[in-house]
Amino acid sequence: FGAVLVTVIRQVGAHLRARAQLTREA
């Protein structure tokens, strides 16, 4: 459960960073 939770948190963070980068580039 901890491993899955860490993976989900990292993926959500990566998604949010990518979205922020796209907004910044626009």
PDB file of all heavy atoms in Angstrom:
ATOM      1  N   PHE A   1       0.837  -1.204   0.000  1.00  0.00           N
ATOM      2  CA  PHE A   1       0.000   0.000   0.000  1.00  0.00           C
ATOM      3  C   PHE A   1       0.874   1.257   0.000  1.00  0.00           C
ATOM      4  O   PHE A   1       0.613   2.212  -0.720  1.00  0.00           O
ATOM      5  CB  PHE A   1      -0.941   0.000   1.212  1.00  0.00           C
ATOM      6  CG  PHE A   1      -1.804   1.211   1.295  1.00  0.00           C
ATOM      7  CD1 PHE A   1      -2.879   1.376   0.439  1.00  0.00           C
ATOM      8  CD2 PHE A   1      -1.521   2.224   2.217  1.00  0.00           C
ATOM      9  CE1 PHE A   1      -3.677   2.505   0.508  1.00  0.00           C
ATOM     10  CE2 PHE A   1      -2.317   3.353   2.294  1.00  0.00           C
ATOM     11  CZ  PHE A   1      -3.390   3.502   1.437  1.00  0.00           C
ATOM     12  N   GLY A   2       1.919   1.253   0.811  1.00  0.00           N
ATOM     13  CA  GLY A   2       2.840   2.394   0.854  1.00  0.00           C
ATOM     14  C   GLY A   2       3.526   2.618  -0.479  1.00  0.00           C
ATOM     15  O   GLY A   2       3.671   3.755  -0.935  1.00  0.00           O
ATOM     16  N   ALA A   3       3.961   1.544  -1.125  1.00  0.00           N
ATOM     17  CA  ALA A   3       4.618   1.661  -2.426  1.00  0.00           C
ATOM     18  C   ALA A   3       3.659   2.226  -3.469  1.00  0.00           C
ATOM     19  O   ALA A   3       4.031   3.097  -4.271  1.00  0.00           O
ATOM     20  CB  ALA A   3       5.148   0.299  -2.868  1.00  0.00           C
ATOM     21  N   VAL A   4       2.434   1.745  -3.460  1.00  0.00           N
ATOM     22  CA  VAL A   4       1.428   2.252  -4.404  1.00  0.00           C
ATOM     23  C   VAL A   4       1.134   3.716  -4.127  1.00  0.00           C
ATOM     24  O   VAL A   4       1.050   4.536  -5.046  1.00  0.00           O
ATOM     25  CB  VAL A   4       0.133   1.396  -4.339  1.00  0.00           C
ATOM     26  CG1 VAL A   4      -0.996   2.060  -5.102  1.00  0.00           C
ATOM     27  CG2 VAL A   4       0.400   0.000  -4.867  1.00  0.00           C
ATOM     28  N   LEU A   5       1.013   4.072  -2.859  1.00  0.00           N
ATOM     29  CA  LEU A   5       0.734   5.457  -2.484  1.00  0.00           C
ATOM     30  C   LEU A   5       1.862   6.384  -2.924  1.00  0.00           C
ATOM     31  O   LEU A   5       1.615   7.456  -3.486  1.00  0.00           O
ATOM     32  CB  LEU A   5       0.505   5.554  -0.976  1.00  0.00           C
ATOM     33  CG  LEU A   5       0.080   6.909  -0.444  1.00  0.00           C
ATOM     34  CD1 LEU A   5      -1.266   7.309  -1.046  1.00  0.00           C
ATOM     35  CD2 LEU A   5      -0.009   6.879   1.073  1.00  0.00           C
ATOM     36  N   VAL A   6       3.100   5.984  -2.699  1.00  0.00           N
ATOM     37  CA  VAL A   6       4.247   6.792  -3.117  1.00  0.00           C
ATOM     38  C   VAL A   6       4.259   6.948  -4.639  1.00  0.00           C
ATOM     39  O   VAL A   6       4.494   8.043  -5.160  1.00  0.00           O
ATOM     40  CB  VAL A   6       5.565   6.160  -2.610  1.00  0.00           C
ATOM     41  CG1 VAL A   6       6.765   6.786  -3.281  1.00  0.00           C
ATOM     42  CG2 VAL A   6       5.667   6.294  -1.101  1.00  0.00           C
ATOM     43  N   THR A   7       3.982   5.874  -5.347  1.00  0.00           N
ATOM     44  CA  THR A   7       3.960   5.930  -6.806  1.00  0.00           C
ATOM     45  C   THR A   7       2.872   6.879  -7.301  1.00  0.00           C
ATOM     46  O   THR A   7       3.105   7.687  -8.202  1.00  0.00           O
ATOM     47  CB  THR A   7       3.737   4.522  -7.395  1.00  0.00           C
ATOM     48  OG1 THR A   7       4.774   3.657  -6.922  1.00  0.00           O
ATOM     49  CG2 THR A   7       3.743   4.549  -8.906  1.00  0.00           C
ATOM     50  N   VAL A   8       1.697   6.800  -6.709  1.00  0.00           N
ATOM     51  CA  VAL A   8       0.593   7.677  -7.107  1.00  0.00           C
ATOM     52  C   VAL A   8       0.950   9.135  -6.833  1.00  0.00           C
ATOM     53  O   VAL A   8       0.739  10.004  -7.683  1.00  0.00           O
ATOM     54  CB  VAL A   8      -0.717   7.275  -6.383  1.00  0.00           C
ATOM     55  CG1 VAL A   8      -1.775   8.347  -6.533  1.00  0.00           C
ATOM     56  CG2 VAL A   8      -1.222   5.943  -6.909  1.00  0.00           C
ATOM     57  N   ILE A   9       1.519   9.407  -5.677  1.00  0.00           N
ATOM     58  CA  ILE A   9       1.884  10.782  -5.327  1.00  0.00           C
ATOM     59  C   ILE A   9       2.933  11.312  -6.305  1.00  0.00           C
ATOM     60  O   ILE A   9       2.844  12.456  -6.775  1.00  0.00           O
ATOM     61  CB  ILE A   9       2.386  10.858  -3.869  1.00  0.00           C
ATOM     62  CG1 ILE A   9       1.217  10.638  -2.918  1.00  0.00           C
ATOM     63  CG2 ILE A   9       3.073  12.185  -3.587  1.00  0.00           C
ATOM     64  CD1 ILE A   9       1.619  10.490  -1.460  1.00  0.00           C
ATOM     65  N   ARG A  10       3.923  10.499  -6.630  1.00  0.00           N
ATOM     66  CA  ARG A  10       4.948  10.940  -7.582  1.00  0.00           C
ATOM     67  C   ARG A  10       4.349  11.198  -8.962  1.00  0.00           C
ATOM     68  O   ARG A  10       4.730  12.162  -9.640  1.00  0.00           O
ATOM     69  CB  ARG A  10       6.057   9.905  -7.672  1.00  0.00           C
ATOM     70  CG  ARG A  10       6.908   9.858  -6.406  1.00  0.00           C
ATOM     71  CD  ARG A  10       8.040   8.919  -6.561  1.00  0.00           C
ATOM     72  NE  ARG A  10       8.955   9.475  -7.566  1.00  0.00           N
ATOM     73  CZ  ARG A  10      10.135   8.983  -7.821  1.00  0.00           C
ATOM     74  NH1 ARG A  10      10.561   7.939  -7.173  1.00  0.00           N
ATOM     75  NH2 ARG A  10      10.893   9.529  -8.733  1.00  0.00           N
ATOM     76  N   GLN A  11       3.449  10.358  -9.403  1.00  0.00           N
ATOM     77  CA  GLN A  11       2.845  10.532 -10.723  1.00  0.00           C
ATOM     78  C   GLN A  11       1.973  11.783 -10.767  1.00  0.00           C
ATOM     79  O   GLN A  11       1.967  12.515 -11.763  1.00  0.00           O
ATOM     80  CB  GLN A  11       2.026   9.298 -11.114  1.00  0.00           C
ATOM     81  CG  GLN A  11       2.873   8.079 -11.386  1.00  0.00           C
ATOM     82  CD  GLN A  11       3.840   8.300 -12.528  1.00  0.00           C
ATOM     83  OE1 GLN A  11       3.519   8.917 -13.525  1.00  0.00           O
ATOM     84  NE2 GLN A  11       5.052   7.813 -12.360  1.00  0.00           N
ATOM     85  N   VAL A  12       1.216  12.026  -9.708  1.00  0.00           N
ATOM     86  CA  VAL A  12       0.397  13.233  -9.643  1.00  0.00           C
ATOM     87  C   VAL A  12       1.289  14.467  -9.663  1.00  0.00           C
ATOM     88  O   VAL A  12       1.014  15.443 -10.368  1.00  0.00           O
ATOM     89  CB  VAL A  12      -0.525  13.223  -8.398  1.00  0.00           C
ATOM     90  CG1 VAL A  12      -1.151  14.578  -8.157  1.00  0.00           C
ATOM     91  CG2 VAL A  12      -1.594  12.151  -8.546  1.00  0.00           C
ATOM     92  N   GLY A  13       2.391  14.431  -8.924  1.00  0.00           N
ATOM     93  CA  GLY A  13       3.337  15.544  -8.925  1.00  0.00           C
ATOM     94  C   GLY A  13       3.928  15.779 -10.302  1.00  0.00           C
ATOM     95  O   GLY A  13       4.053  16.921 -10.755  1.00  0.00           O
ATOM     96  N   ALA A  14       4.305  14.710 -10.985  1.00  0.00           N
ATOM     97  CA  ALA A  14       4.858  14.840 -12.336  1.00  0.00           C
ATOM     98  C   ALA A  14       3.822  15.431 -13.287  1.00  0.00           C
ATOM     99  O   ALA A  14       4.148  16.270 -14.134  1.00  0.00           O
ATOM    100  CB  ALA A  14       5.324  13.477 -12.844  1.00  0.00           C
ATOM    101  N   HIS A  15       2.582  15.007 -13.141  1.00  0.00           N
ATOM    102  CA  HIS A  15       1.506  15.531 -13.988  1.00  0.00           C
ATOM    103  C   HIS A  15       1.313  17.030 -13.745  1.00  0.00           C
ATOM    104  O   HIS A  15       1.176  17.806 -14.689  1.00  0.00           O
ATOM    105  CB  HIS A  15       0.212  14.769 -13.709  1.00  0.00           C
ATOM    106  CG  HIS A  15      -0.979  15.320 -14.418  1.00  0.00           C
ATOM    107  ND1 HIS A  15      -1.155  15.191 -15.771  1.00  0.00           N
ATOM    108  CD2 HIS A  15      -2.040  16.023 -13.962  1.00  0.00           C
ATOM    109  CE1 HIS A  15      -2.275  15.794 -16.120  1.00  0.00           C
ATOM    110  NE2 HIS A  15      -2.834  16.309 -15.026  1.00  0.00           N
ATOM    111  N   LEU A  16       1.301  17.422 -12.478  1.00  0.00           N
ATOM    112  CA  LEU A  16       1.110  18.841 -12.154  1.00  0.00           C
ATOM    113  C   LEU A  16       2.283  19.685 -12.647  1.00  0.00           C
ATOM    114  O   LEU A  16       2.096  20.796 -13.155  1.00  0.00           O
ATOM    115  CB  LEU A  16       0.918  19.018 -10.651  1.00  0.00           C
ATOM    116  CG  LEU A  16      -0.382  18.437 -10.081  1.00  0.00           C
ATOM    117  CD1 LEU A  16      -0.397  18.576  -8.571  1.00  0.00           C
ATOM    118  CD2 LEU A  16      -1.592  19.089 -10.708  1.00  0.00           C
ATOM    119  N   ARG A  17       3.503  19.165 -12.524  1.00  0.00           N
ATOM    120  CA  ARG A  17       4.667  19.897 -13.032  1.00  0.00           C
ATOM    121  C   ARG A  17       4.599  20.043 -14.549  1.00  0.00           C
ATOM    122  O   ARG A  17       4.922  21.097 -15.094  1.00  0.00           O
ATOM    123  CB  ARG A  17       5.962  19.197 -12.626  1.00  0.00           C
ATOM    124  CG  ARG A  17       6.359  19.438 -11.190  1.00  0.00           C
ATOM    125  CD  ARG A  17       7.767  18.921 -10.907  1.00  0.00           C
ATOM    126  NE  ARG A  17       7.938  17.497 -11.178  1.00  0.00           N
ATOM    127  CZ  ARG A  17       7.621  16.518 -10.344  1.00  0.00           C
ATOM    128  NH1 ARG A  17       7.098  16.811  -9.162  1.00  0.00           N
ATOM    129  NH2 ARG A  17       7.825  15.259 -10.668  1.00  0.00           N
ATOM    130  N   ALA A  18       4.189  18.987 -15.240  1.00  0.00           N
ATOM    131  CA  ALA A  18       4.086  19.050 -16.694  1.00  0.00           C
ATOM    132  C   ALA A  18       3.028  20.062 -17.120  1.00  0.00           C
ATOM    133  O   ALA A  18       3.234  20.837 -18.067  1.00  0.00           O
ATOM    134  CB  ALA A  18       3.745  17.663 -17.259  1.00  0.00           C
ATOM    135  N   ARG A  19       1.910  20.087 -16.425  1.00  0.00           N
ATOM    136  CA  ARG A  19       0.855  21.047 -16.747  1.00  0.00           C
ATOM    137  C   ARG A  19       1.336  22.476 -16.516  1.00  0.00           C
ATOM    138  O   ARG A  19       1.094  23.365 -17.325  1.00  0.00           O
ATOM    139  CB  ARG A  19      -0.391  20.773 -15.913  1.00  0.00           C
ATOM    140  CG  ARG A  19      -1.546  21.692 -16.328  1.00  0.00           C
ATOM    141  CD  ARG A  19      -2.743  21.575 -15.442  1.00  0.00           C
ATOM    142  NE  ARG A  19      -3.276  20.221 -15.407  1.00  0.00           N
ATOM    143  CZ  ARG A  19      -4.275  19.860 -14.629  1.00  0.00           C
ATOM    144  NH1 ARG A  19      -4.848  20.728 -13.823  1.00  0.00           N
ATOM    145  NH2 ARG A  19      -4.718  18.621 -14.642  1.00  0.00           N
ATOM    146  N   ALA A  20       2.046  22.690 -15.417  1.00  0.00           N
ATOM    147  CA  ALA A  20       2.576  24.022 -15.118  1.00  0.00           C
ATOM    148  C   ALA A  20       3.586  24.445 -16.184  1.00  0.00           C
ATOM    149  O   ALA A  20       3.613  25.604 -16.599  1.00  0.00           O
ATOM    150  CB  ALA A  20       3.222  24.036 -13.736  1.00  0.00           C
ATOM    151  N   GLN A  21       4.402  23.519 -16.631  1.00  0.00           N
ATOM    152  CA  GLN A  21       5.388  23.834 -17.665  1.00  0.00           C
ATOM    153  C   GLN A  21       4.696  24.202 -18.979  1.00  0.00           C
ATOM    154  O   GLN A  21       5.102  25.150 -19.655  1.00  0.00           O
ATOM    155  CB  GLN A  21       6.332  22.658 -17.885  1.00  0.00           C
ATOM    156  CG  GLN A  21       7.409  22.953 -18.910  1.00  0.00           C
ATOM    157  CD  GLN A  21       8.383  21.791 -19.077  1.00  0.00           C
ATOM    158  OE1 GLN A  21       8.251  20.770 -18.416  1.00  0.00           O
ATOM    159  NE2 GLN A  21       9.342  21.968 -19.939  1.00  0.00           N
ATOM    160  N   LEU A  22       3.644  23.488 -19.338  1.00  0.00           N
ATOM    161  CA  LEU A  22       2.909  23.813 -20.565  1.00  0.00           C
ATOM    162  C   LEU A  22       2.275  25.196 -20.474  1.00  0.00           C
ATOM    163  O   LEU A  22       2.300  25.969 -21.436  1.00  0.00           O
ATOM    164  CB  LEU A  22       1.836  22.758 -20.835  1.00  0.00           C
ATOM    165  CG  LEU A  22       2.337  21.410 -21.323  1.00  0.00           C
ATOM    166  CD1 LEU A  22       1.176  20.421 -21.431  1.00  0.00           C
ATOM    167  CD2 LEU A  22       3.045  21.544 -22.656  1.00  0.00           C
ATOM    168  N   THR A  23       1.734  25.516 -19.315  1.00  0.00           N
ATOM    169  CA  THR A  23       1.139  26.836 -19.108  1.00  0.00           C
ATOM    170  C   THR A  23       2.202  27.917 -19.222  1.00  0.00           C
ATOM    171  O   THR A  23       2.006  28.940 -19.885  1.00  0.00           O
ATOM    172  CB  THR A  23       0.464  26.915 -17.727  1.00  0.00           C
ATOM    173  OG1 THR A  23      -0.524  25.893 -17.644  1.00  0.00           O
ATOM    174  CG2 THR A  23      -0.169  28.264 -17.500  1.00  0.00           C
ATOM    175  N   ARG A  24       3.358  27.673 -18.598  1.00  0.00           N
ATOM    176  CA  ARG A  24       4.453  28.633 -18.645  1.00  0.00           C
ATOM    177  C   ARG A  24       4.936  28.832 -20.082  1.00  0.00           C
ATOM    178  O   ARG A  24       5.180  29.955 -20.522  1.00  0.00           O
ATOM    179  CB  ARG A  24       5.586  28.121 -17.748  1.00  0.00           C
ATOM    180  CG  ARG A  24       6.558  29.148 -17.305  1.00  0.00           C
ATOM    181  CD  ARG A  24       7.527  28.652 -16.227  1.00  0.00           C
ATOM    182  NE  ARG A  24       7.917  27.253 -16.305  1.00  0.00           N
ATOM    183  CZ  ARG A  24       7.512  26.310 -15.463  1.00  0.00           C
ATOM    184  NH1 ARG A  24       6.685  26.595 -14.484  1.00  0.00           N
ATOM    185  NH2 ARG A  24       7.923  25.065 -15.597  1.00  0.00           N
ATOM    186  N   GLU A  25       5.067  27.750 -20.835  1.00  0.00           N
ATOM    187  CA  GLU A  25       5.508  27.852 -22.226  1.00  0.00           C
ATOM    188  C   GLU A  25       4.502  28.623 -23.071  1.00  0.00           C
ATOM    189  O   GLU A  25       4.881  29.407 -23.941  1.00  0.00           O
ATOM    190  CB  GLU A  25       5.740  26.462 -22.815  1.00  0.00           C
ATOM    191  CG  GLU A  25       6.976  25.784 -22.270  1.00  0.00           C
ATOM    192  CD  GLU A  25       7.116  24.362 -22.749  1.00  0.00           C
ATOM    193  OE1 GLU A  25       6.244  23.870 -23.495  1.00  0.00           O
ATOM    194  OE2 GLU A  25       8.119  23.712 -22.358  1.00  0.00           O
ATOM    195  N   ALA A  26       3.217  28.413 -22.824  1.00  0.00           N
ATOM    196  CA  ALA A  26       2.191  29.155 -23.569  1.00  0.00           C
ATOM    197  C   ALA A  26       2.277  30.643 -23.247  1.00  0.00           C
ATOM    198  O   ALA A  26       2.140  31.492 -24.148  1.00  0.00           O
ATOM    199  CB  ALA A  26       0.803  28.613 -23.223  1.00  0.00           C
TER     200      ALA A  26
END
